[in-house]
Protein backbone atom coordinates (compact mmCIF):
# COMPACT_ATOMS: atom_id res chain seq x y z
CA MET A 1 46.89 39.69 -67.99
CA LEU A 2 44.75 37.05 -66.30
CA VAL A 3 45.67 35.97 -62.79
CA SER A 4 44.81 32.46 -61.65
CA ILE A 5 42.41 32.10 -58.73
CA PRO A 6 44.93 30.32 -56.42
CA ARG A 7 47.57 32.97 -57.04
CA LEU A 8 45.05 35.77 -56.48
CA ALA A 9 43.99 34.12 -53.21
CA VAL A 10 47.62 34.01 -52.05
CA HIS A 11 48.02 37.74 -52.78
CA ILE A 12 44.79 38.58 -50.96
CA VAL A 13 45.78 36.52 -47.90
CA GLY A 14 49.24 38.12 -47.86
CA PHE A 15 47.74 41.60 -48.08
CA LEU A 16 45.24 40.88 -45.30
CA ALA A 17 48.02 39.46 -43.11
CA LEU A 18 50.04 42.67 -43.49
CA VAL A 19 46.98 44.81 -42.73
CA VAL A 20 46.23 42.77 -39.63
CA CYS A 21 49.91 42.95 -38.65
CA ALA A 22 49.79 46.75 -38.76
CA GLY A 23 47.37 46.70 -35.85
CA CYS A 24 48.58 43.54 -34.15
CA GLY A 25 49.89 45.53 -31.19
CA HIS A 26 46.27 46.29 -30.29
CA LEU A 27 45.43 42.59 -30.33
CA GLN A 28 48.02 41.72 -27.72
CA SER A 29 46.78 40.83 -24.26
CA GLY A 30 47.47 43.21 -21.38
CA ALA A 31 50.43 41.16 -20.16
CA ALA A 32 51.88 40.82 -23.65
CA THR A 33 51.50 44.55 -24.32
CA GLY A 34 53.42 45.26 -21.14
CA LEU A 35 56.30 43.17 -22.46
CA ASN A 36 56.88 45.78 -25.18
CA GLN A 37 57.46 48.48 -22.57
CA VAL A 38 59.83 46.69 -20.17
CA ALA A 39 63.56 47.20 -20.72
CA VAL A 40 65.58 44.27 -19.37
CA ASP A 41 69.20 43.20 -19.65
CA ASN A 42 70.39 39.86 -20.96
CA PRO A 43 71.51 38.31 -18.64
CA LEU A 44 68.79 39.45 -16.25
CA PHE A 45 69.83 39.86 -12.62
CA VAL A 46 67.23 38.80 -10.05
CA ALA A 47 67.83 39.66 -6.40
CA THR A 48 66.12 36.78 -4.62
CA GLY A 49 67.08 33.97 -2.31
CA ASP A 50 64.03 31.84 -3.06
CA LEU A 51 65.46 29.53 -5.70
CA ASP A 52 62.38 27.30 -5.90
CA PHE A 53 60.05 30.22 -6.60
CA LEU A 54 62.48 31.69 -9.15
CA TRP A 55 62.87 28.40 -11.01
CA ASN A 56 59.11 27.72 -11.09
CA GLN A 57 58.47 31.16 -12.61
CA VAL A 58 61.20 30.68 -15.23
CA VAL A 59 59.81 27.27 -16.22
CA ASP A 60 56.24 28.63 -16.35
CA ALA A 61 57.27 31.59 -18.54
CA VAL A 62 59.17 29.37 -20.98
CA ASP A 63 56.38 26.77 -21.07
CA ASP A 64 53.85 29.39 -22.20
CA ASP A 65 55.42 29.73 -25.66
CA TYR A 66 57.82 26.79 -26.04
CA ARG A 67 57.76 23.05 -25.38
CA ILE A 68 60.51 22.13 -22.92
CA ALA A 69 62.80 19.34 -24.09
CA ARG A 70 65.26 19.26 -21.16
CA GLU A 71 65.16 20.81 -17.73
CA GLN A 72 68.03 20.73 -15.24
CA ARG A 73 66.92 22.21 -11.95
CA PRO A 74 69.63 24.30 -10.25
CA ALA A 75 71.11 23.17 -6.96
CA ALA A 76 72.86 25.23 -4.32
CA GLY A 77 75.88 26.83 -5.96
CA ALA A 78 75.21 25.18 -9.35
CA GLU A 79 73.41 26.62 -12.35
CA GLY A 80 70.23 25.28 -13.97
CA ALA A 81 69.38 25.01 -17.64
CA ILE A 82 66.32 24.72 -19.89
CA GLU A 83 66.37 23.61 -23.51
CA THR A 84 63.25 23.62 -25.70
CA TYR A 85 62.10 21.86 -28.82
CA PRO A 86 61.79 23.95 -32.00
CA THR A 87 58.45 25.79 -31.87
CA THR A 88 56.66 27.47 -34.76
CA GLY A 89 56.66 31.25 -34.66
CA ALA A 90 53.49 33.05 -33.57
CA THR A 91 51.50 34.51 -36.47
CA VAL A 92 49.31 37.63 -36.59
CA PHE A 93 46.34 35.33 -36.05
CA GLU A 94 47.73 34.13 -32.68
CA PRO A 95 47.91 37.26 -30.50
CA TRP A 96 48.00 35.15 -27.31
CA ARG A 97 51.45 33.76 -28.22
CA ASN A 98 54.53 35.87 -27.49
CA ASN A 99 57.47 34.16 -29.21
CA SER A 100 57.20 36.49 -32.25
CA ALA A 101 57.48 40.24 -31.74
CA PRO A 102 54.56 42.29 -33.12
CA GLY A 103 55.21 43.77 -36.53
CA TYR A 104 57.77 42.33 -38.91
CA GLN A 105 58.45 39.09 -37.00
CA GLN A 106 54.76 38.18 -36.78
CA ALA A 107 54.22 39.04 -40.45
CA LEU A 108 57.23 36.90 -41.41
CA ALA A 109 55.94 33.96 -39.33
CA THR A 110 52.54 34.35 -41.00
CA LEU A 111 53.87 34.29 -44.56
CA GLN A 112 56.84 31.93 -44.04
CA SER A 113 57.60 28.81 -42.00
CA ILE A 114 59.58 30.11 -39.01
CA ARG A 115 60.52 28.19 -35.89
CA ARG A 116 62.31 29.21 -32.70
CA ARG A 117 64.29 27.37 -30.07
CA ALA A 118 64.97 28.78 -26.59
CA SER A 119 67.84 28.03 -24.23
CA LEU A 120 68.03 29.48 -20.71
CA ARG A 121 70.59 29.27 -17.92
CA VAL A 122 70.03 30.31 -14.32
CA ALA A 123 73.39 30.94 -12.65
CA PRO A 124 74.04 31.95 -9.04
CA ALA A 125 75.49 35.42 -8.55
CA GLU A 126 76.29 37.63 -5.59
CA GLY A 127 72.97 38.66 -4.03
CA GLY A 128 70.78 36.66 -6.41
CA TYR A 129 70.79 34.90 -9.78
CA LEU A 130 71.57 35.71 -13.40
CA ILE A 131 69.16 34.46 -16.08
CA HIS A 132 70.76 34.06 -19.51
CA ALA A 133 68.37 33.67 -22.45
CA GLN A 134 69.20 32.66 -26.02
CA VAL A 135 66.52 32.31 -28.70
CA THR A 136 67.47 31.27 -32.23
CA HIS A 137 65.12 31.25 -35.19
CA GLU A 138 65.20 29.37 -38.49
CA LEU A 139 63.48 29.58 -41.87
CA GLU A 140 62.18 26.41 -43.51
CA ASP A 141 64.00 25.50 -46.72
CA VAL A 142 61.64 23.85 -49.22
CA ASN A 143 62.31 22.56 -52.70
CA ARG A 144 59.82 25.04 -54.20
CA PRO A 145 57.06 27.39 -53.04
CA GLU A 146 53.83 25.65 -52.02
CA ASN A 147 51.71 27.49 -54.59
CA SER A 148 54.37 27.55 -57.29
CA THR A 149 53.14 27.42 -60.89
CA VAL A 150 56.12 25.24 -61.80
CA GLY A 151 55.11 21.59 -61.97
CA GLY A 152 56.74 18.91 -59.86
CA GLN A 153 58.17 17.14 -62.94
CA THR A 154 59.79 20.27 -64.40
CA ILE A 155 63.59 20.08 -64.35
CA ARG A 156 65.17 22.93 -62.42
CA TYR A 157 68.83 23.87 -62.22
CA ASP A 158 68.83 26.19 -59.20
CA GLY A 159 69.35 23.59 -56.46
CA SER A 160 70.91 20.26 -55.61
CA ILE A 161 69.98 17.07 -57.42
CA GLU A 162 67.00 15.48 -55.73
CA GLU A 163 65.28 12.17 -56.20
CA PRO A 164 61.61 12.82 -57.02
CA ASP A 165 58.96 11.38 -54.72
CA LEU A 166 57.07 9.12 -57.08
CA ALA A 167 54.19 8.72 -54.62
CA ASP A 168 53.35 12.43 -54.79
CA PRO A 169 55.42 14.39 -57.33
CA ASP A 170 53.66 17.65 -56.47
CA ALA A 171 54.44 17.49 -52.73
CA VAL A 172 56.54 20.26 -51.23
CA THR A 173 59.64 18.75 -49.65
CA THR A 174 61.40 20.19 -46.62
CA LEU A 175 65.11 20.29 -47.36
CA GLY A 176 66.01 21.53 -43.88
CA TRP A 177 66.08 24.77 -41.93
CA ILE A 178 68.11 27.90 -42.66
CA PRO A 179 69.57 29.49 -39.49
CA LEU A 180 68.66 33.16 -39.08
CA GLY A 181 70.75 33.70 -35.94
CA ARG A 182 69.63 34.93 -32.56
CA ASP A 183 66.33 36.71 -32.07
CA ALA A 184 67.17 39.47 -29.58
CA GLU A 185 63.58 40.71 -29.39
CA ALA A 186 62.24 37.24 -28.52
CA GLU A 187 64.92 36.98 -25.82
CA ARG A 188 63.94 40.37 -24.40
CA ARG A 189 60.24 39.48 -24.35
CA LEU A 190 60.93 36.18 -22.58
CA LEU A 191 63.10 37.86 -19.93
CA ALA A 192 60.54 40.68 -19.54
CA ASP A 193 57.85 38.07 -18.87
CA ILE A 194 60.04 36.43 -16.20
CA TYR A 195 60.84 39.83 -14.66
CA ALA A 196 57.13 40.75 -14.52
CA ARG A 197 56.27 37.46 -12.81
CA LEU A 198 58.95 37.93 -10.18
CA SER A 199 58.10 41.62 -9.62
CA ASN A 200 54.41 40.87 -8.99
CA ARG A 201 55.13 38.51 -6.12
């Protein structure tokens, strides 16, 4: 059976991505590799009275891998919050980014369209502060695979009725994003990064 060149290229790229993913732990930077070895709780308790330093480190850690949409700086006795815009997941070809855990998550972000959104709260507690982290991830829902052999004008019965885009009938349309729930590993890595920053003071 003959295999078309575009389809063969997709299989080769997918295979190479999985091979690279198998050794992606070795590609991580020293700081990122350390994140895999730190066990932290969520929420993370930080025993410090320097609120300004704490908040600056939290913002800096979040800003490394996400784009901040809203930031509410904490005041005395009140909690602070950070919300981010959806950010594409780090692939195996981006070892300097930490929002995808090495292994399956990086392979998935390489072969699929994955995005993550982070939400953090810094709440005062006795003797310090509690940092709550929540990271959710989503899978892009498209009308058909990008390299599908099915033409754009072929009638399909496996989805909702859609009006065709007459300007470009072969374009892949984003129908939305499918929630995949919370990403506990991304939350742990983010909190581990914050913990490392505060511990190295």
